[in-house]
Amino acid sequence: MNSSSIPKEERTWAMFAHLSSFLGWLGIPLANLIAPLVMWQLKKEEMPFGSSQAKECLNFQISMTLYVIVSGILCFVFIGFPLLFALLIIDIILTIRAAIKANDGIEYRYPLTIRFIS
């Protein structure tokens, strides 16, 4: 799909699908997973680009949640502390990058992502 052929509204939905994962940072439990899941389910029929980006975000957030759990367990041997810090930075940078790309109408694929939902 050509980025110029994607309507502005759909690109905006795609951008907000990525940015919605930051709701988890506001202390809302599992909001980083629920928000992109809801956006994907709401728009999967009418907005293919927005839907694919919400699904991509959801896969990334599931992966990050698993990585954080493993890092949390590794904190008992002190290896987990630097891993948690690195995951924080990676999550912020990649999510902002994905939101910018989505707003430009460019399909973004997160690195380090386990694709649970295809």
PDB file of N, CA and C in Angstrom:
ATOM      1  N   MET A   1       0.838  -1.173   0.000  1.00  0.00           N
ATOM      2  CA  MET A   1       0.000   0.000   0.000  1.00  0.00           C
ATOM      3  C   MET A   1       0.885   1.240   0.000  1.00  0.00           C
ATOM      4  N   ASN A   2       0.630   2.137  -0.893  1.00  0.00           N
ATOM      5  CA  ASN A   2       1.368   3.383  -1.005  1.00  0.00           C
ATOM      6  C   ASN A   2       0.995   4.292   0.162  1.00  0.00           C
ATOM      7  N   SER A   3       1.995   4.922   0.800  1.00  0.00           N
ATOM      8  CA  SER A   3       1.718   5.744   1.970  1.00  0.00           C
ATOM      9  C   SER A   3       0.818   6.934   1.647  1.00  0.00           C
ATOM     10  N   SER A   4       0.865   7.419   0.411  1.00  0.00           N
ATOM     11  CA  SER A   4       0.016   8.554   0.045  1.00  0.00           C
ATOM     12  C   SER A   4      -1.436   8.123  -0.169  1.00  0.00           C
ATOM     13  N   SER A   5      -1.666   6.832  -0.352  1.00  0.00           N
ATOM     14  CA  SER A   5      -3.028   6.353  -0.551  1.00  0.00           C
ATOM     15  C   SER A   5      -3.740   6.033   0.765  1.00  0.00           C
ATOM     16  N   ILE A   6      -3.026   6.112   1.868  1.00  0.00           N
ATOM     17  CA  ILE A   6      -3.621   5.841   3.177  1.00  0.00           C
ATOM     18  C   ILE A   6      -4.235   7.142   3.692  1.00  0.00           C
ATOM     19  N   PRO A   7      -5.531   7.123   3.982  1.00  0.00           N
ATOM     20  CA  PRO A   7      -6.182   8.343   4.462  1.00  0.00           C
ATOM     21  C   PRO A   7      -5.563   8.854   5.770  1.00  0.00           C
ATOM     22  N   LYS A   8      -5.593  10.151   5.956  1.00  0.00           N
ATOM     23  CA  LYS A   8      -5.018  10.788   7.143  1.00  0.00           C
ATOM     24  C   LYS A   8      -5.635  10.216   8.431  1.00  0.00           C
ATOM     25  N   GLU A   9      -6.942   9.993   8.424  1.00  0.00           N
ATOM     26  CA  GLU A   9      -7.607   9.460   9.618  1.00  0.00           C
ATOM     27  C   GLU A   9      -7.045   8.088   9.997  1.00  0.00           C
ATOM     28  N   GLU A  10      -6.796   7.258   8.988  1.00  0.00           N
ATOM     29  CA  GLU A  10      -6.260   5.928   9.260  1.00  0.00           C
ATOM     30  C   GLU A  10      -4.822   5.999   9.770  1.00  0.00           C
ATOM     31  N   ARG A  11      -4.032   6.912   9.207  1.00  0.00           N
ATOM     32  CA  ARG A  11      -2.657   7.091   9.691  1.00  0.00           C
ATOM     33  C   ARG A  11      -2.661   7.587  11.135  1.00  0.00           C
ATOM     34  N   THR A  12      -3.620   8.456  11.455  1.00  0.00           N
ATOM     35  CA  THR A  12      -3.738   8.968  12.826  1.00  0.00           C
ATOM     36  C   THR A  12      -4.110   7.848  13.795  1.00  0.00           C
ATOM     37  N   TRP A  13      -5.056   6.993  13.405  1.00  0.00           N
ATOM     38  CA  TRP A  13      -5.416   5.843  14.241  1.00  0.00           C
ATOM     39  C   TRP A  13      -4.202   4.943  14.459  1.00  0.00           C
ATOM     40  N   ALA A  14      -3.437   4.715  13.407  1.00  0.00           N
ATOM     41  CA  ALA A  14      -2.247   3.867  13.512  1.00  0.00           C
ATOM     42  C   ALA A  14      -1.232   4.484  14.485  1.00  0.00           C
ATOM     43  N   MET A  15      -1.039   5.800  14.378  1.00  0.00           N
ATOM     44  CA  MET A  15      -0.115   6.488  15.271  1.00  0.00           C
ATOM     45  C   MET A  15      -0.573   6.356  16.725  1.00  0.00           C
ATOM     46  N   PHE A  16      -1.872   6.588  16.960  1.00  0.00           N
ATOM     47  CA  PHE A  16      -2.387   6.491  18.320  1.00  0.00           C
ATOM     48  C   PHE A  16      -2.392   5.058  18.845  1.00  0.00           C
ATOM     49  N   ALA A  17      -2.462   4.086  17.962  1.00  0.00           N
ATOM     50  CA  ALA A  17      -2.354   2.694  18.403  1.00  0.00           C
ATOM     51  C   ALA A  17      -0.993   2.464  19.052  1.00  0.00           C
ATOM     52  N   HIS A  18       0.048   3.005  18.433  1.00  0.00           N
ATOM     53  CA  HIS A  18       1.393   2.874  19.010  1.00  0.00           C
ATOM     54  C   HIS A  18       1.505   3.677  20.304  1.00  0.00           C
ATOM     55  N   LEU A  19       1.054   4.922  20.270  1.00  0.00           N
ATOM     56  CA  LEU A  19       1.182   5.789  21.447  1.00  0.00           C
ATOM     57  C   LEU A  19       0.310   5.316  22.611  1.00  0.00           C
ATOM     58  N   SER A  20      -0.751   4.576  22.306  1.00  0.00           N
ATOM     59  CA  SER A  20      -1.636   4.098  23.369  1.00  0.00           C
ATOM     60  C   SER A  20      -0.912   3.167  24.341  1.00  0.00           C
ATOM     61  N   SER A  21       0.168   2.571  23.894  1.00  0.00           N
ATOM     62  CA  SER A  21       0.905   1.674  24.790  1.00  0.00           C
ATOM     63  C   SER A  21       1.525   2.438  25.960  1.00  0.00           C
ATOM     64  N   PHE A  22       1.676   3.755  25.832  1.00  0.00           N
ATOM     65  CA  PHE A  22       2.211   4.553  26.939  1.00  0.00           C
ATOM     66  C   PHE A  22       1.209   4.688  28.088  1.00  0.00           C
ATOM     67  N   LEU A  23      -0.049   4.293  27.878  1.00  0.00           N
ATOM     68  CA  LEU A  23      -1.022   4.338  28.971  1.00  0.00           C
ATOM     69  C   LEU A  23      -0.596   3.441  30.128  1.00  0.00           C
ATOM     70  N   GLY A  24       0.158   2.414  29.826  1.00  0.00           N
ATOM     71  CA  GLY A  24       0.679   1.549  30.882  1.00  0.00           C
ATOM     72  C   GLY A  24       1.628   2.281  31.813  1.00  0.00           C
ATOM     73  N   TRP A  25       2.288   3.311  31.306  1.00  0.00           N
ATOM     74  CA  TRP A  25       3.218   4.104  32.105  1.00  0.00           C
ATOM     75  C   TRP A  25       2.482   5.011  33.082  1.00  0.00           C
ATOM     76  N   LEU A  26       1.178   5.208  32.867  1.00  0.00           N
ATOM     77  CA  LEU A  26       0.391   6.070  33.753  1.00  0.00           C
ATOM     78  C   LEU A  26      -0.134   5.313  34.969  1.00  0.00           C
ATOM     79  N   GLY A  27       0.256   4.060  35.095  1.00  0.00           N
ATOM     80  CA  GLY A  27      -0.146   3.268  36.237  1.00  0.00           C
ATOM     81  C   GLY A  27      -1.435   2.496  36.025  1.00  0.00           C
ATOM     82  N   ILE A  28      -1.932   2.468  34.814  1.00  0.00           N
ATOM     83  CA  ILE A  28      -3.128   1.685  34.513  1.00  0.00           C
ATOM     84  C   ILE A  28      -2.658   0.269  34.184  1.00  0.00           C
ATOM     85  N   PRO A  29      -2.992  -0.704  35.039  1.00  0.00           N
ATOM     86  CA  PRO A  29      -2.479  -2.061  34.820  1.00  0.00           C
ATOM     87  C   PRO A  29      -2.872  -2.634  33.456  1.00  0.00           C
ATOM     88  N   LEU A  30      -1.881  -3.153  32.753  1.00  0.00           N
ATOM     89  CA  LEU A  30      -2.030  -3.812  31.452  1.00  0.00           C
ATOM     90  C   LEU A  30      -2.599  -2.911  30.354  1.00  0.00           C
ATOM     91  N   ALA A  31      -2.622  -1.613  30.564  1.00  0.00           N
ATOM     92  CA  ALA A  31      -3.128  -0.692  29.530  1.00  0.00           C
ATOM     93  C   ALA A  31      -2.258  -0.735  28.283  1.00  0.00           C
ATOM     94  N   ASN A  32      -0.976  -1.030  28.452  1.00  0.00           N
ATOM     95  CA  ASN A  32      -0.094  -1.138  27.290  1.00  0.00           C
ATOM     96  C   ASN A  32      -0.506  -2.276  26.366  1.00  0.00           C
ATOM     97  N   LEU A  33      -1.248  -3.252  26.900  1.00  0.00           N
ATOM     98  CA  LEU A  33      -1.741  -4.367  26.097  1.00  0.00           C
ATOM     99  C   LEU A  33      -3.187  -4.160  25.670  1.00  0.00           C
ATOM    100  N   ILE A  34      -3.995  -3.660  26.574  1.00  0.00           N
ATOM    101  CA  ILE A  34      -5.433  -3.529  26.317  1.00  0.00           C
ATOM    102  C   ILE A  34      -5.728  -2.448  25.275  1.00  0.00           C
ATOM    103  N   ALA A  35      -5.057  -1.311  25.351  1.00  0.00           N
ATOM    104  CA  ALA A  35      -5.347  -0.206  24.426  1.00  0.00           C
ATOM    105  C   ALA A  35      -5.104  -0.593  22.967  1.00  0.00           C
ATOM    106  N   PRO A  36      -3.923  -1.141  22.597  1.00  0.00           N
ATOM    107  CA  PRO A  36      -3.758  -1.539  21.192  1.00  0.00           C
ATOM    108  C   PRO A  36      -4.680  -2.684  20.782  1.00  0.00           C
ATOM    109  N   LEU A  37      -4.998  -3.576  21.724  1.00  0.00           N
ATOM    110  CA  LEU A  37      -5.922  -4.672  21.434  1.00  0.00           C
ATOM    111  C   LEU A  37      -7.306  -4.129  21.084  1.00  0.00           C
ATOM    112  N   VAL A  38      -7.793  -3.173  21.861  1.00  0.00           N
ATOM    113  CA  VAL A  38      -9.103  -2.572  21.596  1.00  0.00           C
ATOM    114  C   VAL A  38      -9.090  -1.830  20.262  1.00  0.00           C
ATOM    115  N   MET A  39      -8.023  -1.077  20.001  1.00  0.00           N
ATOM    116  CA  MET A  39      -7.943  -0.331  18.735  1.00  0.00           C
ATOM    117  C   MET A  39      -7.911  -1.288  17.545  1.00  0.00           C
ATOM    118  N   TRP A  40      -7.179  -2.380  17.682  1.00  0.00           N
ATOM    119  CA  TRP A  40      -7.117  -3.377  16.603  1.00  0.00           C
ATOM    120  C   TRP A  40      -8.496  -3.967  16.356  1.00  0.00           C
ATOM    121  N   GLN A  41      -9.179  -4.354  17.427  1.00  0.00           N
ATOM    122  CA  GLN A  41     -10.499  -4.965  17.275  1.00  0.00           C
ATOM    123  C   GLN A  41     -11.530  -3.984  16.710  1.00  0.00           C
ATOM    124  N   LEU A  42     -11.438  -2.720  17.097  1.00  0.00           N
ATOM    125  CA  LEU A  42     -12.391  -1.723  16.605  1.00  0.00           C
ATOM    126  C   LEU A  42     -12.218  -1.417  15.123  1.00  0.00           C
ATOM    127  N   LYS A  43     -10.985  -1.433  14.648  1.00  0.00           N
ATOM    128  CA  LYS A  43     -10.701  -0.948  13.300  1.00  0.00           C
ATOM    129  C   LYS A  43     -10.248  -2.023  12.316  1.00  0.00           C
ATOM    130  N   LYS A  44     -10.269  -3.285  12.708  1.00  0.00           N
ATOM    131  CA  LYS A  44      -9.703  -4.327  11.845  1.00  0.00           C
ATOM    132  C   LYS A  44     -10.453  -4.503  10.528  1.00  0.00           C
ATOM    133  N   GLU A  45     -11.726  -4.192  10.475  1.00  0.00           N
ATOM    134  CA  GLU A  45     -12.502  -4.348   9.246  1.00  0.00           C
ATOM    135  C   GLU A  45     -12.413  -3.133   8.322  1.00  0.00           C
ATOM    136  N   GLU A  46     -12.378  -1.950   8.906  1.00  0.00           N
ATOM    137  CA  GLU A  46     -12.470  -0.741   8.088  1.00  0.00           C
ATOM    138  C   GLU A  46     -11.142  -0.047   7.802  1.00  0.00           C
ATOM    139  N   MET A  47     -10.113  -0.332   8.577  1.00  0.00           N
ATOM    140  CA  MET A  47      -8.821   0.331   8.403  1.00  0.00           C
ATOM    141  C   MET A  47      -7.694  -0.693   8.406  1.00  0.00           C
ATOM    142  N   PRO A  48      -7.348  -1.245   7.255  1.00  0.00           N
ATOM    143  CA  PRO A  48      -6.315  -2.291   7.223  1.00  0.00           C
ATOM    144  C   PRO A  48      -4.954  -1.822   7.741  1.00  0.00           C
ATOM    145  N   PHE A  49      -4.545  -0.602   7.377  1.00  0.00           N
ATOM    146  CA  PHE A  49      -3.241  -0.103   7.833  1.00  0.00           C
ATOM    147  C   PHE A  49      -3.268   0.145   9.341  1.00  0.00           C
ATOM    148  N   GLY A  50      -4.292   0.816   9.826  1.00  0.00           N
ATOM    149  CA  GLY A  50      -4.410   1.080  11.263  1.00  0.00           C
ATOM    150  C   GLY A  50      -4.492  -0.202  12.062  1.00  0.00           C
ATOM    151  N   SER A  51      -5.224  -1.158  11.540  1.00  0.00           N
ATOM    152  CA  SER A  51      -5.366  -2.455  12.189  1.00  0.00           C
ATOM    153  C   SER A  51      -4.029  -3.184  12.269  1.00  0.00           C
ATOM    154  N   SER A  52      -3.287  -3.190  11.176  1.00  0.00           N
ATOM    155  CA  SER A  52      -1.999  -3.898  11.173  1.00  0.00           C
ATOM    156  C   SER A  52      -1.009  -3.252  12.133  1.00  0.00           C
ATOM    157  N   GLN A  53      -1.052  -1.930  12.239  1.00  0.00           N
ATOM    158  CA  GLN A  53      -0.140  -1.245  13.155  1.00  0.00           C
ATOM    159  C   GLN A  53      -0.533  -1.464  14.611  1.00  0.00           C
ATOM    160  N   ALA A  54      -1.834  -1.521  14.893  1.00  0.00           N
ATOM    161  CA  ALA A  54      -2.287  -1.824  16.255  1.00  0.00           C
ATOM    162  C   ALA A  54      -1.878  -3.241  16.641  1.00  0.00           C
ATOM    163  N   LYS A  55      -1.987  -4.165  15.709  1.00  0.00           N
ATOM    164  CA  LYS A  55      -1.591  -5.556  15.956  1.00  0.00           C
ATOM    165  C   LYS A  55      -0.073  -5.650  16.161  1.00  0.00           C
ATOM    166  N   GLU A  56       0.677  -4.904  15.379  1.00  0.00           N
ATOM    167  CA  GLU A  56       2.133  -4.873  15.534  1.00  0.00           C
ATOM    168  C   GLU A  56       2.511  -4.332  16.914  1.00  0.00           C
ATOM    169  N   CYS A  57       1.842  -3.273  17.320  1.00  0.00           N
ATOM    170  CA  CYS A  57       2.081  -2.691  18.644  1.00  0.00           C
ATOM    171  C   CYS A  57       1.739  -3.696  19.744  1.00  0.00           C
ATOM    172  N   LEU A  58       0.626  -4.379  19.588  1.00  0.00           N
ATOM    173  CA  LEU A  58       0.212  -5.377  20.577  1.00  0.00           C
ATOM    174  C   LEU A  58       1.257  -6.487  20.694  1.00  0.00           C
ATOM    175  N   ASN A  59       1.744  -6.989  19.576  1.00  0.00           N
ATOM    176  CA  ASN A  59       2.792  -8.020  19.607  1.00  0.00           C
ATOM    177  C   ASN A  59       4.042  -7.516  20.325  1.00  0.00           C
ATOM    178  N   PHE A  60       4.432  -6.274  20.045  1.00  0.00           N
ATOM    179  CA  PHE A  60       5.613  -5.704  20.682  1.00  0.00           C
ATOM    180  C   PHE A  60       5.399  -5.568  22.187  1.00  0.00           C
ATOM    181  N   GLN A  61       4.232  -5.110  22.583  1.00  0.00           N
ATOM    182  CA  GLN A  61       3.966  -4.916  24.005  1.00  0.00           C
ATOM    183  C   GLN A  61       3.869  -6.247  24.757  1.00  0.00           C
ATOM    184  N   ILE A  62       3.336  -7.272  24.120  1.00  0.00           N
ATOM    185  CA  ILE A  62       3.332  -8.603  24.739  1.00  0.00           C
ATOM    186  C   ILE A  62       4.776  -9.069  24.934  1.00  0.00           C
ATOM    187  N   SER A  63       5.592  -8.887  23.898  1.00  0.00           N
ATOM    188  CA  SER A  63       7.006  -9.281  23.980  1.00  0.00           C
ATOM    189  C   SER A  63       7.718  -8.507  25.086  1.00  0.00           C
ATOM    190  N   MET A  64       7.503  -7.193  25.136  1.00  0.00           N
ATOM    191  CA  MET A  64       8.164  -6.371  26.153  1.00  0.00           C
ATOM    192  C   MET A  64       7.721  -6.786  27.562  1.00  0.00           C
ATOM    193  N   THR A  65       6.446  -7.107  27.717  1.00  0.00           N
ATOM    194  CA  THR A  65       5.946  -7.540  29.022  1.00  0.00           C
ATOM    195  C   THR A  65       6.652  -8.821  29.459  1.00  0.00           C
ATOM    196  N   LEU A  66       6.822  -9.754  28.546  1.00  0.00           N
ATOM    197  CA  LEU A  66       7.546 -10.987  28.870  1.00  0.00           C
ATOM    198  C   LEU A  66       9.003 -10.696  29.220  1.00  0.00           C
ATOM    199  N   TYR A  67       9.634  -9.798  28.453  1.00  0.00           N
ATOM    200  CA  TYR A  67      11.034  -9.447  28.729  1.00  0.00           C
ATOM    201  C   TYR A  67      11.171  -8.788  30.106  1.00  0.00           C
ATOM    202  N   VAL A  68      10.208  -7.944  30.472  1.00  0.00           N
ATOM    203  CA  VAL A  68      10.244  -7.285  31.774  1.00  0.00           C
ATOM    204  C   VAL A  68      10.075  -8.306  32.898  1.00  0.00           C
ATOM    205  N   ILE A  69       9.194  -9.270  32.714  1.00  0.00           N
ATOM    206  CA  ILE A  69       9.005 -10.316  33.730  1.00  0.00           C
ATOM    207  C   ILE A  69      10.298 -11.102  33.934  1.00  0.00           C
ATOM    208  N   VAL A  70      10.932 -11.499  32.834  1.00  0.00           N
ATOM    209  CA  VAL A  70      12.197 -12.239  32.928  1.00  0.00           C
ATOM    210  C   VAL A  70      13.270 -11.369  33.589  1.00  0.00           C
ATOM    211  N   SER A  71      13.349 -10.110  33.212  1.00  0.00           N
ATOM    212  CA  SER A  71      14.334  -9.204  33.809  1.00  0.00           C
ATOM    213  C   SER A  71      14.064  -9.000  35.287  1.00  0.00           C
ATOM    214  N   GLY A  72      12.783  -8.920  35.645  1.00  0.00           N
ATOM    215  CA  GLY A  72      12.422  -8.788  37.058  1.00  0.00           C
ATOM    216  C   GLY A  72      12.891  -9.982  37.871  1.00  0.00           C
ATOM    217  N   ILE A  73      12.737 -11.159  37.314  1.00  0.00           N
ATOM    218  CA  ILE A  73      13.217 -12.370  37.986  1.00  0.00           C
ATOM    219  C   ILE A  73      14.745 -12.336  38.105  1.00  0.00           C
ATOM    220  N   LEU A  74      15.400 -11.850  37.060  1.00  0.00           N
ATOM    221  CA  LEU A  74      16.868 -11.781  37.074  1.00  0.00           C
ATOM    222  C   LEU A  74      17.404 -10.704  38.021  1.00  0.00           C
ATOM    223  N   CYS A  75      16.532  -9.840  38.529  1.00  0.00           N
ATOM    224  CA  CYS A  75      16.978  -8.834  39.502  1.00  0.00           C
ATOM    225  C   CYS A  75      17.484  -9.494  40.784  1.00  0.00           C
ATOM    226  N   PHE A  76      17.043 -10.726  41.053  1.00  0.00           N
ATOM    227  CA  PHE A  76      17.522 -11.432  42.241  1.00  0.00           C
ATOM    228  C   PHE A  76      19.011 -11.747  42.135  1.00  0.00           C
ATOM    229  N   VAL A  77      19.545 -11.785  40.935  1.00  0.00           N
ATOM    230  CA  VAL A  77      20.987 -11.993  40.753  1.00  0.00           C
ATOM    231  C   VAL A  77      21.636 -10.736  40.166  1.00  0.00           C
ATOM    232  N   PHE A  78      20.946  -9.615  40.274  1.00  0.00           N
ATOM    233  CA  PHE A  78      21.423  -8.284  39.904  1.00  0.00           C
ATOM    234  C   PHE A  78      21.629  -8.055  38.414  1.00  0.00           C
ATOM    235  N   ILE A  79      21.462  -9.078  37.596  1.00  0.00           N
ATOM    236  CA  ILE A  79      21.587  -8.910  36.149  1.00  0.00           C
ATOM    237  C   ILE A  79      20.373  -8.163  35.605  1.00  0.00           C
ATOM    238  N   GLY A  80      19.243  -8.334  36.258  1.00  0.00           N
ATOM    239  CA  GLY A  80      17.987  -7.776  35.759  1.00  0.00           C
ATOM    240  C   GLY A  80      17.903  -6.263  35.811  1.00  0.00           C
ATOM    241  N   PHE A  81      18.607  -5.613  36.735  1.00  0.00           N
ATOM    242  CA  PHE A  81      18.502  -4.157  36.851  1.00  0.00           C
ATOM    243  C   PHE A  81      18.941  -3.423  35.587  1.00  0.00           C
ATOM    244  N   PRO A  82      20.121  -3.732  35.035  1.00  0.00           N
ATOM    245  CA  PRO A  82      20.475  -3.050  33.778  1.00  0.00           C
ATOM    246  C   PRO A  82      19.571  -3.454  32.624  1.00  0.00           C
ATOM    247  N   LEU A  83      19.083  -4.688  32.640  1.00  0.00           N
ATOM    248  CA  LEU A  83      18.156  -5.125  31.588  1.00  0.00           C
ATOM    249  C   LEU A  83      16.849  -4.343  31.647  1.00  0.00           C
ATOM    250  N   LEU A  84      16.323  -4.111  32.844  1.00  0.00           N
ATOM    251  CA  LEU A  84      15.090  -3.336  32.992  1.00  0.00           C
ATOM    252  C   LEU A  84      15.278  -1.914  32.472  1.00  0.00           C
ATOM    253  N   PHE A  85      16.407  -1.323  32.794  1.00  0.00           N
ATOM    254  CA  PHE A  85      16.693   0.034  32.310  1.00  0.00           C
ATOM    255  C   PHE A  85      16.786   0.051  30.783  1.00  0.00           C
ATOM    256  N   ALA A  86      17.474  -0.932  30.218  1.00  0.00           N
ATOM    257  CA  ALA A  86      17.595  -1.015  28.751  1.00  0.00           C
ATOM    258  C   ALA A  86      16.229  -1.222  28.102  1.00  0.00           C
ATOM    259  N   LEU A  87      15.387  -2.054  28.689  1.00  0.00           N
ATOM    260  CA  LEU A  87      14.045  -2.288  28.145  1.00  0.00           C
ATOM    261  C   LEU A  87      13.206  -1.015  28.190  1.00  0.00           C
ATOM    262  N   LEU A  88      13.350  -0.246  29.233  1.00  0.00           N
ATOM    263  CA  LEU A  88      12.637   1.033  29.339  1.00  0.00           C
ATOM    264  C   LEU A  88      13.012   1.957  28.190  1.00  0.00           C
ATOM    265  N   ILE A  89      14.296   2.099  27.955  1.00  0.00           N
ATOM    266  CA  ILE A  89      14.779   2.974  26.879  1.00  0.00           C
ATOM    267  C   ILE A  89      14.339   2.443  25.519  1.00  0.00           C
ATOM    268  N   ILE A  90      14.479   1.148  25.307  1.00  0.00           N
ATOM    269  CA  ILE A  90      14.083   0.530  24.030  1.00  0.00           C
ATOM    270  C   ILE A  90      12.599   0.727  23.768  1.00  0.00           C
ATOM    271  N   ASP A  91      11.789   0.524  24.799  1.00  0.00           N
ATOM    272  CA  ASP A  91      10.337   0.677  24.646  1.00  0.00           C
ATOM    273  C   ASP A  91       9.980   2.100  24.237  1.00  0.00           C
ATOM    274  N   ILE A  92      10.545   3.074  24.906  1.00  0.00           N
ATOM    275  CA  ILE A  92      10.232   4.477  24.599  1.00  0.00           C
ATOM    276  C   ILE A  92      10.670   4.839  23.187  1.00  0.00           C
ATOM    277  N   ILE A  93      11.918   4.530  22.853  1.00  0.00           N
ATOM    278  CA  ILE A  93      12.460   4.926  21.541  1.00  0.00           C
ATOM    279  C   ILE A  93      11.713   4.238  20.400  1.00  0.00           C
ATOM    280  N   LEU A  94      11.520   2.929  20.505  1.00  0.00           N
ATOM    281  CA  LEU A  94      10.871   2.209  19.405  1.00  0.00           C
ATOM    282  C   LEU A  94       9.398   2.588  19.255  1.00  0.00           C
ATOM    283  N   THR A  95       8.725   2.855  20.360  1.00  0.00           N
ATOM    284  CA  THR A  95       7.316   3.243  20.276  1.00  0.00           C
ATOM    285  C   THR A  95       7.163   4.605  19.617  1.00  0.00           C
ATOM    286  N   ILE A  96       8.004   5.556  19.982  1.00  0.00           N
ATOM    287  CA  ILE A  96       7.954   6.881  19.346  1.00  0.00           C
ATOM    288  C   ILE A  96       8.296   6.760  17.864  1.00  0.00           C
ATOM    289  N   ARG A  97       9.305   5.977  17.559  1.00  0.00           N
ATOM    290  CA  ARG A  97       9.690   5.779  16.154  1.00  0.00           C
ATOM    291  C   ARG A  97       8.544   5.153  15.349  1.00  0.00           C
ATOM    292  N   ALA A  98       7.878   4.157  15.929  1.00  0.00           N
ATOM    293  CA  ALA A  98       6.755   3.499  15.262  1.00  0.00           C
ATOM    294  C   ALA A  98       5.603   4.475  15.042  1.00  0.00           C
ATOM    295  N   ALA A  99       5.327   5.313  16.024  1.00  0.00           N
ATOM    296  CA  ALA A  99       4.242   6.286  15.900  1.00  0.00           C
ATOM    297  C   ALA A  99       4.523   7.281  14.779  1.00  0.00           C
ATOM    298  N   ILE A 100       5.751   7.728  14.676  1.00  0.00           N
ATOM    299  CA  ILE A 100       6.131   8.672  13.614  1.00  0.00           C
ATOM    300  C   ILE A 100       5.990   8.014  12.250  1.00  0.00           C
ATOM    301  N   LYS A 101       6.499   6.790  12.130  1.00  0.00           N
ATOM    302  CA  LYS A 101       6.396   6.069  10.851  1.00  0.00           C
ATOM    303  C   LYS A 101       4.938   5.843  10.471  1.00  0.00           C
ATOM    304  N   ALA A 102       4.119   5.430  11.436  1.00  0.00           N
ATOM    305  CA  ALA A 102       2.706   5.174  11.161  1.00  0.00           C
ATOM    306  C   ALA A 102       1.998   6.442  10.712  1.00  0.00           C
ATOM    307  N   ASN A 103       2.320   7.555  11.342  1.00  0.00           N
ATOM    308  CA  ASN A 103       1.711   8.828  10.951  1.00  0.00           C
ATOM    309  C   ASN A 103       2.130   9.238   9.543  1.00  0.00           C
ATOM    310  N   ASP A 104       3.295   8.786   9.121  1.00  0.00           N
ATOM    311  CA  ASP A 104       3.755   9.042   7.754  1.00  0.00           C
ATOM    312  C   ASP A 104       3.195   8.031   6.763  1.00  0.00           C
ATOM    313  N   GLY A 105       2.466   7.048   7.267  1.00  0.00           N
ATOM    314  CA  GLY A 105       1.873   6.035   6.401  1.00  0.00           C
ATOM    315  C   GLY A 105       2.820   4.908   6.037  1.00  0.00           C
ATOM    316  N   ILE A 106       3.869   4.745   6.825  1.00  0.00           N
ATOM    317  CA  ILE A 106       4.876   3.711   6.569  1.00  0.00           C
ATOM    318  C   ILE A 106       4.650   2.555   7.540  1.00  0.00           C
ATOM    319  N   GLU A 107       4.527   1.363   7.003  1.00  0.00           N
ATOM    320  CA  GLU A 107       4.332   0.156   7.813  1.00  0.00           C
ATOM    321  C   GLU A 107       5.589  -0.060   8.666  1.00  0.00           C
ATOM    322  N   TYR A 108       5.435  -0.111   9.986  1.00  0.00           N
ATOM    323  CA  TYR A 108       6.568  -0.277  10.883  1.00  0.00           C
ATOM    324  C   TYR A 108       6.529  -1.657  11.530  1.00  0.00           C
ATOM    325  N   ARG A 109       7.679  -2.319  11.544  1.00  0.00           N
ATOM    326  CA  ARG A 109       7.829  -3.618  12.208  1.00  0.00           C
ATOM    327  C   ARG A 109       8.853  -3.435  13.330  1.00  0.00           C
ATOM    328  N   TYR A 110       8.409  -3.689  14.549  1.00  0.00           N
ATOM    329  CA  TYR A 110       9.299  -3.566  15.696  1.00  0.00           C
ATOM    330  C   TYR A 110      10.341  -4.676  15.671  1.00  0.00           C
ATOM    331  N   PRO A 111      11.607  -4.327  15.991  1.00  0.00           N
ATOM    332  CA  PRO A 111      12.589  -5.394  16.201  1.00  0.00           C
ATOM    333  C   PRO A 111      12.350  -6.028  17.575  1.00  0.00           C
ATOM    334  N   LEU A 112      12.950  -7.145  17.844  1.00  0.00           N
ATOM    335  CA  LEU A 112      12.867  -7.848  19.138  1.00  0.00           C
ATOM    336  C   LEU A 112      11.463  -8.328  19.465  1.00  0.00           C
ATOM    337  N   THR A 113      10.607  -8.453  18.452  1.00  0.00           N
ATOM    338  CA  THR A 113       9.210  -8.796  18.695  1.00  0.00           C
ATOM    339  C   THR A 113       8.923 -10.245  18.362  1.00  0.00           C
ATOM    340  N   ILE A 114       8.259 -10.907  19.293  1.00  0.00           N
ATOM    341  CA  ILE A 114       7.739 -12.240  19.042  1.00  0.00           C
ATOM    342  C   ILE A 114       6.344 -12.028  18.466  1.00  0.00           C
ATOM    343  N   ARG A 115       6.068 -12.548  17.315  1.00  0.00           N
ATOM    344  CA  ARG A 115       4.792 -12.332  16.641  1.00  0.00           C
ATOM    345  C   ARG A 115       3.771 -13.371  17.120  1.00  0.00           C
ATOM    346  N   PHE A 116       3.125 -13.075  18.233  1.00  0.00           N
ATOM    347  CA  PHE A 116       2.101 -13.967  18.790  1.00  0.00           C
ATOM    348  C   PHE A 116       0.827 -13.937  17.953  1.00  0.00           C
ATOM    349  N   ILE A 117       0.479 -12.747  17.487  1.00  0.00           N
ATOM    350  CA  ILE A 117      -0.742 -12.552  16.705  1.00  0.00           C
ATOM    351  C   ILE A 117      -0.333 -12.225  15.284  1.00  0.00           C
ATOM    352  N   SER A 118      -0.804 -13.030  14.343  1.00  0.00           N
ATOM    353  CA  SER A 118      -0.418 -12.770  12.948  1.00  0.00           C
ATOM    354  C   SER A 118      -1.592 -12.328  12.121  1.00  0.00           C
TER     355      SER A 118
END
